[in-house]
Amino acid sequence: MSLLSGDDKYDLHHILAKSLYFALLVNVLLPAAALFLCHYAANNYFPENRIGELANPLFYVFAAAALAQGALAWWWRSKLFASPMITSLESVQQDMTTGLLRASRPVSLLVASISLWGYIYFLLTGRFRETAVLVLFSFVMYQVVRPRLGSLQKLVTRQKQMAEKGQLLGR
């Protein structure tokens, strides 16, 4: 168990587990499997560059879109984590578990969709190296936006303070 301020004890690992399992599946395992398929196709089928000289400028356009999407994910995460997640002070542990999962899912999906720019680029150009850069950027963004124990402890404390002031979920 992880101890928070005062006499309140919450199992932070339990609160964090469901959202991390979902995010690991969506942000790491599935993009890595798709990247492996791109690598396999690049080495065995030698895909052609369908857009010719536009491949380099298109990479920069996709990289800019990925950066913008990463900034949006970071902003959205902070907005979702600032909204109430607790329905009552008696159910803080359960409410935080479901609230964190509810807030983390759309952000995880947005971060995972960054890797789609890489797969689209691969389908258009057949270039694996640039594809890997875009997919790896989605891995990095996942590391930036994923909740950690320290930030979760602060989030639970903030959510509890909001609940004590009457700012509850659904009100």
C-alpha atoms as a PDB file:
ATOM      1  CA  MET A   1       0.000   0.000   0.000  1.00  0.00           C
ATOM      2  CA  SER A   2       1.080   3.514  -0.697  1.00  0.00           C
ATOM      3  CA  LEU A   3       0.482   6.097   1.986  1.00  0.00           C
ATOM      4  CA  LEU A   4      -0.939   9.518   1.188  1.00  0.00           C
ATOM      5  CA  SER A   5      -1.104  12.555   3.441  1.00  0.00           C
ATOM      6  CA  GLY A   6      -2.826  12.050   6.777  1.00  0.00           C
ATOM      7  CA  ASP A   7      -4.288   8.714   7.807  1.00  0.00           C
ATOM      8  CA  ASP A   8      -5.742   7.845   4.384  1.00  0.00           C
ATOM      9  CA  LYS A   9      -4.285   4.777   2.717  1.00  0.00           C
ATOM     10  CA  TYR A  10      -4.815   4.039  -0.951  1.00  0.00           C
ATOM     11  CA  ASP A  11      -3.254   1.360  -3.051  1.00  0.00           C
ATOM     12  CA  LEU A  12      -1.763   3.547  -5.780  1.00  0.00           C
ATOM     13  CA  HIS A  13      -0.498   0.540  -7.717  1.00  0.00           C
ATOM     14  CA  HIS A  14      -4.030  -0.831  -7.954  1.00  0.00           C
ATOM     15  CA  ILE A  15      -5.384   2.544  -9.058  1.00  0.00           C
ATOM     16  CA  LEU A  16      -2.711   2.769 -11.747  1.00  0.00           C
ATOM     17  CA  ALA A  17      -2.734  -0.833 -12.974  1.00  0.00           C
ATOM     18  CA  LYS A  18      -5.801  -0.890 -15.250  1.00  0.00           C
ATOM     19  CA  SER A  19      -4.930   2.312 -17.065  1.00  0.00           C
ATOM     20  CA  LEU A  20      -1.322   1.187 -17.546  1.00  0.00           C
ATOM     21  CA  TYR A  21      -2.322  -2.227 -18.913  1.00  0.00           C
ATOM     22  CA  PHE A  22      -4.634  -0.592 -21.429  1.00  0.00           C
ATOM     23  CA  ALA A  23      -1.994   1.954 -22.406  1.00  0.00           C
ATOM     24  CA  LEU A  24       0.729  -0.689 -22.760  1.00  0.00           C
ATOM     25  CA  LEU A  25      -1.457  -2.668 -25.125  1.00  0.00           C
ATOM     26  CA  VAL A  26      -2.521   0.324 -27.206  1.00  0.00           C
ATOM     27  CA  ASN A  27       0.688   2.377 -27.081  1.00  0.00           C
ATOM     28  CA  VAL A  28       3.419  -0.248 -27.086  1.00  0.00           C
ATOM     29  CA  LEU A  29       2.367  -3.746 -28.124  1.00  0.00           C
ATOM     30  CA  LEU A  30       0.100  -2.936 -31.082  1.00  0.00           C
ATOM     31  CA  PRO A  31       2.362  -0.235 -32.613  1.00  0.00           C
ATOM     32  CA  ALA A  32       5.424  -2.457 -32.126  1.00  0.00           C
ATOM     33  CA  ALA A  33       3.669  -5.358 -33.859  1.00  0.00           C
ATOM     34  CA  ALA A  34       2.658  -3.109 -36.765  1.00  0.00           C
ATOM     35  CA  LEU A  35       6.206  -1.753 -36.980  1.00  0.00           C
ATOM     36  CA  PHE A  36       7.497  -5.317 -37.126  1.00  0.00           C
ATOM     37  CA  LEU A  37       5.139  -5.973 -40.052  1.00  0.00           C
ATOM     38  CA  CYS A  38       6.463  -2.871 -41.817  1.00  0.00           C
ATOM     39  CA  HIS A  39      10.031  -4.068 -41.245  1.00  0.00           C
ATOM     40  CA  TYR A  40       9.163  -7.492 -42.600  1.00  0.00           C
ATOM     41  CA  ALA A  41       7.516  -5.970 -45.676  1.00  0.00           C
ATOM     42  CA  ALA A  42      10.443  -3.619 -46.267  1.00  0.00           C
ATOM     43  CA  ASN A  43      12.975  -6.458 -46.143  1.00  0.00           C
ATOM     44  CA  ASN A  44      11.010  -9.096 -48.069  1.00  0.00           C
ATOM     45  CA  TYR A  45       8.738  -7.302 -50.502  1.00  0.00           C
ATOM     46  CA  PHE A  46      10.659  -4.076 -51.253  1.00  0.00           C
ATOM     47  CA  PRO A  47       7.658  -1.723 -51.456  1.00  0.00           C
ATOM     48  CA  GLU A  48       7.889   1.060 -53.993  1.00  0.00           C
ATOM     49  CA  ASN A  49       7.862   4.781 -53.390  1.00  0.00           C
ATOM     50  CA  ARG A  50       4.492   5.799 -54.808  1.00  0.00           C
ATOM     51  CA  ILE A  51       4.909   9.534 -54.358  1.00  0.00           C
ATOM     52  CA  GLY A  52       8.453  10.030 -55.641  1.00  0.00           C
ATOM     53  CA  GLU A  53      10.147  13.284 -54.690  1.00  0.00           C
ATOM     54  CA  LEU A  54       7.310  14.318 -52.401  1.00  0.00           C
ATOM     55  CA  ALA A  55       8.430  11.708 -49.859  1.00  0.00           C
ATOM     56  CA  ASN A  56      10.807  14.020 -47.976  1.00  0.00           C
ATOM     57  CA  PRO A  57       8.414  16.998 -47.658  1.00  0.00           C
ATOM     58  CA  LEU A  58       5.612  14.608 -46.705  1.00  0.00           C
ATOM     59  CA  PHE A  59       7.734  13.239 -43.868  1.00  0.00           C
ATOM     60  CA  TYR A  60       8.104  16.746 -42.438  1.00  0.00           C
ATOM     61  CA  VAL A  61       4.372  17.354 -42.771  1.00  0.00           C
ATOM     62  CA  PHE A  62       3.652  14.088 -40.942  1.00  0.00           C
ATOM     63  CA  ALA A  63       6.287  14.920 -38.295  1.00  0.00           C
ATOM     64  CA  ALA A  64       4.653  18.317 -37.710  1.00  0.00           C
ATOM     65  CA  ALA A  65       1.244  16.655 -37.455  1.00  0.00           C
ATOM     66  CA  ALA A  66       2.654  14.136 -34.966  1.00  0.00           C
ATOM     67  CA  LEU A  67       4.165  16.936 -32.851  1.00  0.00           C
ATOM     68  CA  ALA A  68       0.863  18.816 -32.856  1.00  0.00           C
ATOM     69  CA  GLN A  69      -0.974  15.637 -31.906  1.00  0.00           C
ATOM     70  CA  GLY A  70       1.508  15.018 -29.083  1.00  0.00           C
ATOM     71  CA  ALA A  71       0.982  18.548 -27.756  1.00  0.00           C
ATOM     72  CA  LEU A  72      -2.780  18.033 -27.951  1.00  0.00           C
ATOM     73  CA  ALA A  73      -2.483  14.767 -25.999  1.00  0.00           C
ATOM     74  CA  TRP A  74      -0.422  16.440 -23.280  1.00  0.00           C
ATOM     75  CA  TRP A  75      -2.917  19.333 -23.012  1.00  0.00           C
ATOM     76  CA  TRP A  76      -5.940  17.010 -23.068  1.00  0.00           C
ATOM     77  CA  ARG A  77      -4.431  14.845 -20.328  1.00  0.00           C
ATOM     78  CA  SER A  78      -4.027  17.867 -18.047  1.00  0.00           C
ATOM     79  CA  LYS A  79      -7.622  18.961 -18.736  1.00  0.00           C
ATOM     80  CA  LEU A  80      -9.055  15.496 -18.039  1.00  0.00           C
ATOM     81  CA  PHE A  81      -7.011  15.037 -14.873  1.00  0.00           C
ATOM     82  CA  ALA A  82      -8.179  18.432 -13.575  1.00  0.00           C
ATOM     83  CA  SER A  83     -11.865  17.493 -13.806  1.00  0.00           C
ATOM     84  CA  PRO A  84     -13.603  15.705 -10.886  1.00  0.00           C
ATOM     85  CA  MET A  85     -13.218  11.908 -10.750  1.00  0.00           C
ATOM     86  CA  ILE A  86     -14.625  11.167  -7.289  1.00  0.00           C
ATOM     87  CA  THR A  87     -18.357  10.600  -6.637  1.00  0.00           C
ATOM     88  CA  SER A  88     -18.098  10.480  -2.830  1.00  0.00           C
ATOM     89  CA  LEU A  89     -15.428  10.604  -0.153  1.00  0.00           C
ATOM     90  CA  GLU A  90     -16.310   7.035   0.906  1.00  0.00           C
ATOM     91  CA  SER A  91     -15.317   5.545  -2.464  1.00  0.00           C
ATOM     92  CA  VAL A  92     -12.086   7.389  -3.286  1.00  0.00           C
ATOM     93  CA  GLN A  93     -10.081   4.258  -4.159  1.00  0.00           C
ATOM     94  CA  GLN A  94     -12.678   2.825  -6.557  1.00  0.00           C
ATOM     95  CA  ASP A  95     -13.578   6.210  -8.042  1.00  0.00           C
ATOM     96  CA  MET A  96      -9.937   7.028  -8.713  1.00  0.00           C
ATOM     97  CA  THR A  97      -9.390   3.656 -10.384  1.00  0.00           C
ATOM     98  CA  THR A  98     -12.310   4.110 -12.764  1.00  0.00           C
ATOM     99  CA  GLY A  99     -11.724   7.852 -13.143  1.00  0.00           C
ATOM    100  CA  LEU A 100      -8.075   7.407 -14.074  1.00  0.00           C
ATOM    101  CA  LEU A 101      -8.977   4.723 -16.594  1.00  0.00           C
ATOM    102  CA  ARG A 102     -11.748   6.905 -18.033  1.00  0.00           C
ATOM    103  CA  ALA A 103      -9.403   9.902 -18.335  1.00  0.00           C
ATOM    104  CA  SER A 104      -6.424   7.908 -19.635  1.00  0.00           C
ATOM    105  CA  ARG A 105      -8.160   5.938 -22.394  1.00  0.00           C
ATOM    106  CA  PRO A 106      -8.802   8.752 -24.879  1.00  0.00           C
ATOM    107  CA  VAL A 107      -5.346  10.213 -24.294  1.00  0.00           C
ATOM    108  CA  SER A 108      -3.745   6.791 -24.822  1.00  0.00           C
ATOM    109  CA  LEU A 109      -5.680   6.323 -28.036  1.00  0.00           C
ATOM    110  CA  LEU A 110      -4.661   9.776 -29.251  1.00  0.00           C
ATOM    111  CA  VAL A 111      -1.005   9.045 -28.511  1.00  0.00           C
ATOM    112  CA  ALA A 112      -1.244   5.634 -30.186  1.00  0.00           C
ATOM    113  CA  SER A 113      -2.751   7.220 -33.277  1.00  0.00           C
ATOM    114  CA  ILE A 114       0.470   9.218 -33.705  1.00  0.00           C
ATOM    115  CA  SER A 115       2.024   6.002 -34.985  1.00  0.00           C
ATOM    116  CA  LEU A 116      -0.587   5.908 -37.766  1.00  0.00           C
ATOM    117  CA  TRP A 117       1.316   8.741 -39.470  1.00  0.00           C
ATOM    118  CA  GLY A 118       4.273   6.359 -39.710  1.00  0.00           C
ATOM    119  CA  TYR A 119       2.247   3.520 -41.182  1.00  0.00           C
ATOM    120  CA  ILE A 120       0.600   5.807 -43.737  1.00  0.00           C
ATOM    121  CA  TYR A 121       4.041   7.122 -44.647  1.00  0.00           C
ATOM    122  CA  PHE A 122       5.313   3.571 -45.096  1.00  0.00           C
ATOM    123  CA  LEU A 123       2.399   2.647 -47.331  1.00  0.00           C
ATOM    124  CA  LEU A 124       3.040   5.694 -49.497  1.00  0.00           C
ATOM    125  CA  THR A 125       6.840   5.585 -49.641  1.00  0.00           C
ATOM    126  CA  GLY A 126       8.060   2.168 -48.514  1.00  0.00           C
ATOM    127  CA  ARG A 127      10.664   3.874 -46.303  1.00  0.00           C
ATOM    128  CA  PHE A 128      11.056   1.999 -43.047  1.00  0.00           C
ATOM    129  CA  ARG A 129      13.549   4.314 -41.347  1.00  0.00           C
ATOM    130  CA  GLU A 130      11.261   7.351 -41.350  1.00  0.00           C
ATOM    131  CA  THR A 131       8.335   5.144 -40.362  1.00  0.00           C
ATOM    132  CA  ALA A 132      10.280   3.960 -37.335  1.00  0.00           C
ATOM    133  CA  VAL A 133      11.009   7.573 -36.332  1.00  0.00           C
ATOM    134  CA  LEU A 134       7.303   8.452 -36.326  1.00  0.00           C
ATOM    135  CA  VAL A 135       6.357   5.297 -34.424  1.00  0.00           C
ATOM    136  CA  LEU A 136       9.143   5.828 -31.892  1.00  0.00           C
ATOM    137  CA  PHE A 137       7.863   9.360 -31.350  1.00  0.00           C
ATOM    138  CA  SER A 138       4.526   7.862 -30.289  1.00  0.00           C
ATOM    139  CA  PHE A 139       6.435   5.673 -27.784  1.00  0.00           C
ATOM    140  CA  VAL A 140       8.162   8.778 -26.405  1.00  0.00           C
ATOM    141  CA  MET A 141       4.863  10.665 -26.141  1.00  0.00           C
ATOM    142  CA  TYR A 142       3.403   7.722 -24.244  1.00  0.00           C
ATOM    143  CA  GLN A 143       6.235   8.072 -21.731  1.00  0.00           C
ATOM    144  CA  VAL A 144       5.474  11.784 -21.396  1.00  0.00           C
ATOM    145  CA  VAL A 145       1.718  11.509 -20.830  1.00  0.00           C
ATOM    146  CA  ARG A 146       1.423   8.262 -18.880  1.00  0.00           C
ATOM    147  CA  PRO A 147       0.561   8.615 -15.202  1.00  0.00           C
ATOM    148  CA  ARG A 148       3.298   7.834 -12.700  1.00  0.00           C
ATOM    149  CA  LEU A 149       3.111   7.045  -8.988  1.00  0.00           C
ATOM    150  CA  GLY A 150       4.298  10.493  -7.899  1.00  0.00           C
ATOM    151  CA  SER A 151       1.868  12.326 -10.139  1.00  0.00           C
ATOM    152  CA  LEU A 152      -0.894   9.882  -9.149  1.00  0.00           C
ATOM    153  CA  GLN A 153      -0.326  10.617  -5.472  1.00  0.00           C
ATOM    154  CA  LYS A 154      -0.690  14.355  -6.203  1.00  0.00           C
ATOM    155  CA  LEU A 155      -3.759  13.658  -8.351  1.00  0.00           C
ATOM    156  CA  VAL A 156      -5.482  11.666  -5.596  1.00  0.00           C
ATOM    157  CA  THR A 157      -4.723  14.410  -3.091  1.00  0.00           C
ATOM    158  CA  ARG A 158      -6.070  17.081  -5.465  1.00  0.00           C
ATOM    159  CA  GLN A 159      -9.172  15.031  -6.278  1.00  0.00           C
ATOM    160  CA  LYS A 160      -9.851  14.462  -2.593  1.00  0.00           C
ATOM    161  CA  GLN A 161      -9.521  18.200  -1.902  1.00  0.00           C
ATOM    162  CA  MET A 162     -11.946  18.911  -4.753  1.00  0.00           C
ATOM    163  CA  ALA A 163     -14.401  16.378  -3.282  1.00  0.00           C
ATOM    164  CA  GLU A 164     -14.142  17.975   0.156  1.00  0.00           C
ATOM    165  CA  LYS A 165     -15.065  21.308  -1.444  1.00  0.00           C
ATOM    166  CA  GLY A 166     -18.117  19.688  -3.047  1.00  0.00           C
ATOM    167  CA  GLN A 167     -16.714  19.321  -6.565  1.00  0.00           C
ATOM    168  CA  LEU A 168     -17.791  15.748  -7.238  1.00  0.00           C
ATOM    169  CA  LEU A 169     -18.239  13.792 -10.442  1.00  0.00           C
ATOM    170  CA  GLY A 170     -21.750  14.190 -11.778  1.00  0.00           C
ATOM    171  CA  ARG A 171     -22.508  17.447  -9.984  1.00  0.00           C
END
